[in-house]
Amino acid sequence: MQHCGFNVHLNPFGIVFNPFSISHSLKRIAAKEHYTETELVFHNGYFHSLDHHGSFMHQDPAMLIRTINDRIHAANSFLRSADVAIITPGTAWSWYHSESMRTISNCHKLPQSAFQKLLLTDKEIYQSYESTVQQLRSLNPNIRIIFTISPVKHLRDGIQGNAVSKARLLSNLYQFLNSPGHENCAYFPAFEMVTEELRDYRFYAQDMAHPSNWTTEYIYNVFKDNWFMDDAKELAVLGEKFARMSQHRPMTEDNALLEAWKTKLRQQRQEILTQFPAAYFPEI
């Protein structure tokens, strides 16, 4: 969706897998609760936050904290006017950090002795779903929420461990969505599409865990066909065309030809923005 010009905001904590950590992230976003350097850990020459994806790392702790807190503020502002939030837990397994005595999002390859691997209980998962919705609605009472379960296999948990994890996520989400008060929440069956409709390893990448590019595109097209209004479908087509054009840089070093290509890109970008003012494409 971002590729096609939709105004979206990705999780400012990076990829977060378990529902407890997703809920915790949203609590800090809703409260605009700043991180401090005392919450960072130092490992292999870099500072890390145990609540964030591995892409959040820096040799300067002040720079890392500034980046983290700026993204919390940006997410808070975006969610206040967002139409839809999509929540995608991927595993019921979590890591408990013994020193800080809390569940964390990412181990950052620290020594395994510093953590305990735990399977979240049904109660913890259900309460995490509940808290996630509460935090989103505290920021934006009218926001619509779509839940989906990631079809990515967590094979490091073992085949059985992955199956139990996904089953626990699904069973609690089914119970949650069918309980009173969650009428503005919906479910998109990406997990079932991969495991039941496609059901073949040719639809996975070489690691046999992640869906292939074709499968990802298939899921997106089903989502688009079933959830997009007509104008959104039109933007998706125009945005995809523009994205392909912008990536197809002319094989020349002639400045005049390059400038003509950029001018054409700018014109096409402006035509889309005139028709869809809420669309977003970077300046050229």
Protein backbone atom coordinates (compact mmCIF):
# COMPACT_ATOMS: atom_id res chain seq x y z
CA MET A 1 0.00 0.00 0.00
CA GLN A 2 2.85 2.37 0.77
CA HIS A 3 4.43 1.43 -2.57
CA CYS A 4 1.21 2.45 -4.37
CA GLY A 5 0.88 5.87 -2.74
CA PHE A 6 -1.43 5.18 0.19
CA ASN A 7 -0.77 7.34 3.23
CA VAL A 8 0.29 4.64 5.69
CA HIS A 9 2.43 4.53 8.82
CA LEU A 10 4.38 1.41 9.68
CA ASN A 11 4.87 0.22 13.24
CA PRO A 12 7.36 2.72 14.75
CA PHE A 13 8.84 -0.10 16.84
CA GLY A 14 9.65 -2.12 13.72
CA ILE A 15 8.43 -5.68 13.28
CA VAL A 16 6.93 -6.91 16.58
CA PHE A 17 5.75 -10.52 16.70
CA ASN A 18 3.78 -11.37 19.83
CA PRO A 19 0.46 -9.75 20.87
CA PHE A 20 1.72 -8.73 24.32
CA SER A 21 4.54 -6.67 22.80
CA ILE A 22 2.19 -5.16 20.20
CA SER A 23 -0.10 -4.03 23.03
CA HIS A 24 2.85 -2.67 25.03
CA SER A 25 4.04 -0.68 21.99
CA LEU A 26 0.63 0.92 21.56
CA LYS A 27 0.47 1.83 25.25
CA ARG A 28 3.68 3.83 24.93
CA ILE A 29 2.49 5.42 21.68
CA ALA A 30 -0.87 6.42 23.17
CA ALA A 31 0.78 7.93 26.25
CA LYS A 32 3.71 9.39 24.24
CA GLU A 33 5.88 7.75 26.88
CA HIS A 34 9.50 8.53 26.11
CA TYR A 35 12.32 6.02 26.29
CA THR A 36 15.48 6.83 28.22
CA GLU A 37 19.05 5.64 27.84
CA THR A 38 18.68 3.51 30.98
CA GLU A 39 16.27 1.27 29.02
CA LEU A 40 18.87 0.43 26.38
CA VAL A 41 21.23 -2.54 26.38
CA PHE A 42 24.77 -2.55 24.98
CA HIS A 43 25.91 -5.53 22.92
CA ASN A 44 28.63 -6.05 20.30
CA GLY A 45 29.44 -2.36 20.06
CA TYR A 46 25.87 -1.11 19.65
CA PHE A 47 23.00 0.08 21.84
CA HIS A 48 19.63 -1.65 21.41
CA SER A 49 16.10 -1.37 22.76
CA LEU A 50 14.58 -4.69 23.81
CA ASP A 51 11.17 -3.35 22.75
CA HIS A 52 12.26 -2.66 19.17
CA HIS A 53 13.25 -4.52 16.04
CA GLY A 54 16.93 -5.17 15.32
CA SER A 55 17.02 -2.32 12.79
CA PHE A 56 16.96 0.03 15.82
CA MET A 57 20.63 0.07 16.79
CA HIS A 58 23.24 2.79 17.13
CA GLN A 59 26.67 3.36 18.61
CA ASP A 60 25.42 6.64 20.09
CA PRO A 61 22.68 6.00 22.71
CA ALA A 62 21.41 9.59 22.52
CA MET A 63 20.87 9.31 18.77
CA LEU A 64 18.99 6.03 19.20
CA ILE A 65 16.74 7.46 21.91
CA ARG A 66 16.02 10.52 19.76
CA THR A 67 15.00 8.32 16.82
CA ILE A 68 12.80 6.09 19.00
CA ASN A 69 10.99 8.98 20.69
CA ASP A 70 10.52 10.94 17.44
CA ARG A 71 8.83 7.89 15.91
CA ILE A 72 6.54 7.50 18.93
CA HIS A 73 5.36 11.11 18.49
CA ALA A 74 4.87 10.64 14.74
CA ALA A 75 2.81 7.47 15.28
CA ASN A 76 0.67 9.14 17.95
CA SER A 77 -0.11 12.01 15.59
CA PHE A 78 -0.85 9.71 12.64
CA LEU A 79 -3.18 7.38 14.55
CA ARG A 80 -5.32 10.27 15.77
CA SER A 81 -6.60 10.80 12.22
CA ALA A 82 -6.11 7.34 10.69
CA ASP A 83 -9.08 5.54 9.16
CA VAL A 84 -7.85 1.99 9.70
CA ALA A 85 -5.30 0.15 11.84
CA ILE A 86 -4.10 -3.32 10.83
CA ILE A 87 -2.79 -5.52 13.65
CA THR A 88 -0.82 -8.66 12.73
CA PRO A 89 0.50 -10.88 15.52
CA GLY A 90 2.77 -13.68 14.36
CA THR A 91 3.57 -15.83 17.38
CA ALA A 92 2.36 -16.62 20.90
CA TRP A 93 5.94 -17.27 22.03
CA SER A 94 7.58 -14.49 24.02
CA TRP A 95 10.87 -13.76 25.75
CA TYR A 96 11.12 -12.76 29.39
CA HIS A 97 14.18 -10.67 30.25
CA SER A 98 15.36 -11.75 33.67
CA GLU A 99 17.29 -8.59 34.57
CA SER A 100 14.49 -6.13 33.80
CA MET A 101 11.81 -8.67 34.82
CA ARG A 102 9.53 -8.06 31.84
CA THR A 103 8.43 -9.51 28.52
CA ILE A 104 10.37 -8.01 25.62
CA SER A 105 10.03 -7.91 21.83
CA ASN A 106 13.51 -8.75 20.59
CA CYS A 107 16.54 -10.52 22.06
CA HIS A 108 19.04 -8.87 19.67
CA LYS A 109 21.19 -12.04 19.85
CA LEU A 110 22.12 -11.35 23.47
CA PRO A 111 23.19 -14.45 25.46
CA GLN A 112 20.26 -16.85 25.77
CA SER A 113 20.94 -17.15 29.50
CA ALA A 114 19.52 -13.61 29.90
CA PHE A 115 16.03 -14.74 28.82
CA GLN A 116 13.30 -17.26 29.41
CA LYS A 117 11.23 -18.42 26.45
CA LEU A 118 7.55 -18.56 27.40
CA LEU A 119 4.31 -19.37 25.59
CA LEU A 120 1.77 -16.65 26.33
CA THR A 121 -1.33 -17.94 28.10
CA ASP A 122 -4.83 -17.66 26.66
CA LYS A 123 -5.61 -14.97 29.22
CA GLU A 124 -2.50 -12.94 28.35
CA ILE A 125 -3.27 -13.10 24.63
CA TYR A 126 -6.94 -12.17 25.03
CA GLN A 127 -6.06 -9.27 27.34
CA SER A 128 -3.43 -8.11 24.84
CA TYR A 129 -6.03 -7.97 22.08
CA GLU A 130 -8.35 -6.07 24.42
CA SER A 131 -5.62 -3.60 25.40
CA THR A 132 -4.62 -3.08 21.76
CA VAL A 133 -8.15 -2.03 20.84
CA GLN A 134 -8.48 0.19 23.92
CA GLN A 135 -5.23 2.04 23.16
CA LEU A 136 -6.19 2.62 19.54
CA ARG A 137 -9.64 3.89 20.48
CA SER A 138 -8.19 6.16 23.16
CA LEU A 139 -6.33 7.91 20.34
CA ASN A 140 -9.10 7.71 17.77
CA PRO A 141 -12.59 6.53 18.79
CA ASN A 142 -13.68 6.09 15.17
CA ILE A 143 -10.74 4.05 13.94
CA ARG A 144 -11.58 0.74 12.29
CA ILE A 145 -9.36 -2.18 13.27
CA ILE A 146 -8.47 -5.15 11.11
CA PHE A 147 -6.80 -8.13 12.75
CA THR A 148 -4.92 -10.74 10.77
CA ILE A 149 -2.53 -13.54 11.73
CA SER A 150 0.85 -13.63 10.01
CA PRO A 151 1.28 -16.74 7.81
CA VAL A 152 5.05 -16.62 8.33
CA LYS A 153 6.19 -19.86 9.99
CA HIS A 154 8.36 -19.53 13.11
CA LEU A 155 10.30 -22.72 12.47
CA ARG A 156 12.82 -22.00 15.25
CA ASP A 157 9.98 -22.88 17.61
CA GLY A 158 9.76 -26.29 15.95
CA ILE A 159 6.93 -27.50 13.73
CA GLN A 160 4.73 -28.39 16.70
CA GLY A 161 5.69 -25.22 18.60
CA ASN A 162 4.74 -23.08 15.61
CA ALA A 163 1.43 -24.90 15.19
CA VAL A 164 0.52 -24.53 18.87
CA SER A 165 1.48 -20.85 18.76
CA LYS A 166 -0.65 -20.06 15.71
CA ALA A 167 -3.58 -22.04 17.14
CA ARG A 168 -3.43 -20.05 20.37
CA LEU A 169 -3.38 -16.75 18.50
CA LEU A 170 -6.31 -17.82 16.31
CA SER A 171 -8.53 -19.32 19.00
CA ASN A 172 -8.25 -16.28 21.27
CA LEU A 173 -8.74 -13.85 18.40
CA TYR A 174 -11.87 -15.74 17.30
CA GLN A 175 -13.23 -15.54 20.84
CA PHE A 176 -12.29 -11.87 21.14
CA LEU A 177 -13.84 -10.77 17.84
CA ASN A 178 -17.08 -12.59 18.61
CA SER A 179 -17.51 -11.02 22.04
CA PRO A 180 -19.65 -7.87 22.62
CA GLY A 181 -18.09 -4.45 22.06
CA HIS A 182 -15.85 -5.32 19.14
CA GLU A 183 -18.18 -4.47 16.29
CA ASN A 184 -15.63 -2.10 14.70
CA CYS A 185 -13.05 -4.88 14.54
CA ALA A 186 -12.74 -7.23 11.57
CA TYR A 187 -10.63 -10.19 10.51
CA PHE A 188 -8.72 -10.76 7.27
CA PRO A 189 -7.76 -14.46 6.80
CA ALA A 190 -4.22 -14.17 5.40
CA PHE A 191 -3.09 -17.14 7.50
CA GLU A 192 -5.90 -19.37 6.25
CA MET A 193 -5.32 -18.31 2.64
CA VAL A 194 -1.72 -19.55 2.78
CA THR A 195 -2.24 -22.66 4.89
CA GLU A 196 -5.56 -23.83 3.44
CA GLU A 197 -6.10 -22.25 0.04
CA LEU A 198 -2.56 -22.41 -1.34
CA ARG A 199 -1.24 -25.31 0.74
CA ASP A 200 1.96 -25.99 -1.16
CA TYR A 201 5.63 -25.28 -0.56
CA ARG A 202 5.97 -23.71 -4.01
CA PHE A 203 4.11 -20.74 -2.51
CA TYR A 204 6.90 -20.21 0.05
CA ALA A 205 10.31 -18.59 -0.29
CA GLN A 206 13.49 -20.67 -0.16
CA ASP A 207 13.53 -20.64 3.64
CA MET A 208 10.19 -22.52 3.59
CA ALA A 209 8.91 -20.11 6.26
CA HIS A 210 8.07 -16.84 4.49
CA PRO A 211 5.45 -16.57 1.75
CA SER A 212 6.96 -16.07 -1.72
CA ASN A 213 6.68 -12.75 -3.55
CA TRP A 214 3.89 -14.25 -5.66
CA THR A 215 2.00 -15.31 -2.53
CA THR A 216 2.42 -11.88 -0.95
CA GLU A 217 1.04 -10.27 -4.11
CA TYR A 218 -1.85 -12.75 -4.15
CA ILE A 219 -2.79 -11.92 -0.54
CA TYR A 220 -2.59 -8.19 -1.28
CA ASN A 221 -4.83 -8.56 -4.35
CA VAL A 222 -7.46 -10.46 -2.34
CA PHE A 223 -7.30 -7.78 0.36
CA LYS A 224 -7.60 -5.05 -2.27
CA ASP A 225 -10.53 -6.71 -4.07
CA ASN A 226 -12.51 -7.25 -0.88
CA TRP A 227 -11.68 -4.18 1.23
CA PHE A 228 -10.91 -1.30 -1.13
CA MET A 229 -13.57 1.13 -2.32
CA ASP A 230 -13.58 1.93 -6.05
CA ASP A 231 -11.48 5.08 -5.66
CA ALA A 232 -8.89 3.20 -3.61
CA LYS A 233 -8.67 0.53 -6.30
CA GLU A 234 -8.08 3.26 -8.88
CA LEU A 235 -5.32 4.81 -6.76
CA ALA A 236 -3.73 1.37 -6.38
CA VAL A 237 -3.56 0.95 -10.16
CA LEU A 238 -2.20 4.45 -10.78
CA GLY A 239 0.23 4.19 -7.87
CA GLU A 240 1.60 0.86 -9.08
CA LYS A 241 2.11 2.28 -12.56
CA PHE A 242 3.90 5.32 -11.14
CA ALA A 243 6.08 3.16 -8.87
CA ARG A 244 7.19 0.99 -11.82
CA MET A 245 7.99 4.08 -13.84
CA SER A 246 10.01 5.69 -11.03
CA GLN A 247 12.05 2.50 -10.57
CA HIS A 248 12.80 2.21 -14.29
CA ARG A 249 15.67 4.70 -14.42
CA PRO A 250 16.90 5.43 -17.98
CA MET A 251 20.16 3.69 -18.91
CA THR A 252 21.92 6.92 -19.77
CA GLU A 253 24.13 9.59 -18.26
CA ASP A 254 22.83 12.26 -20.58
CA ASN A 255 21.68 15.01 -18.20
CA ALA A 256 19.06 16.28 -20.64
CA LEU A 257 17.45 12.83 -20.96
CA LEU A 258 17.57 12.28 -17.19
CA GLU A 259 15.95 15.64 -16.54
CA ALA A 260 13.24 14.88 -19.11
CA TRP A 261 12.55 11.59 -17.32
CA LYS A 262 12.31 13.39 -13.96
CA THR A 263 10.00 16.01 -15.46
CA LYS A 264 7.69 13.29 -16.76
CA LEU A 265 7.72 11.64 -13.32
CA ARG A 266 6.86 14.92 -11.62
CA GLN A 267 3.99 15.52 -14.03
CA GLN A 268 2.57 12.04 -13.46
CA ARG A 269 2.97 12.42 -9.71
CA GLN A 270 1.11 15.75 -9.78
CA GLU A 271 -1.70 14.26 -11.89
CA ILE A 272 -2.25 11.52 -9.28
CA LEU A 273 -2.12 14.01 -6.39
CA THR A 274 -4.63 16.27 -8.14
CA GLN A 275 -7.05 13.37 -8.38
CA PHE A 276 -6.17 11.91 -4.97
CA PRO A 277 -4.93 14.72 -2.66
CA ALA A 278 -4.51 12.31 0.28
CA ALA A 279 -2.08 10.11 -1.65
CA TYR A 280 1.58 10.24 -0.71
CA PHE A 281 4.62 9.97 -2.98
CA PRO A 282 8.09 11.31 -2.07
CA GLU A 283 9.27 14.46 -3.80
CA ILE A 284 11.27 13.84 -6.98
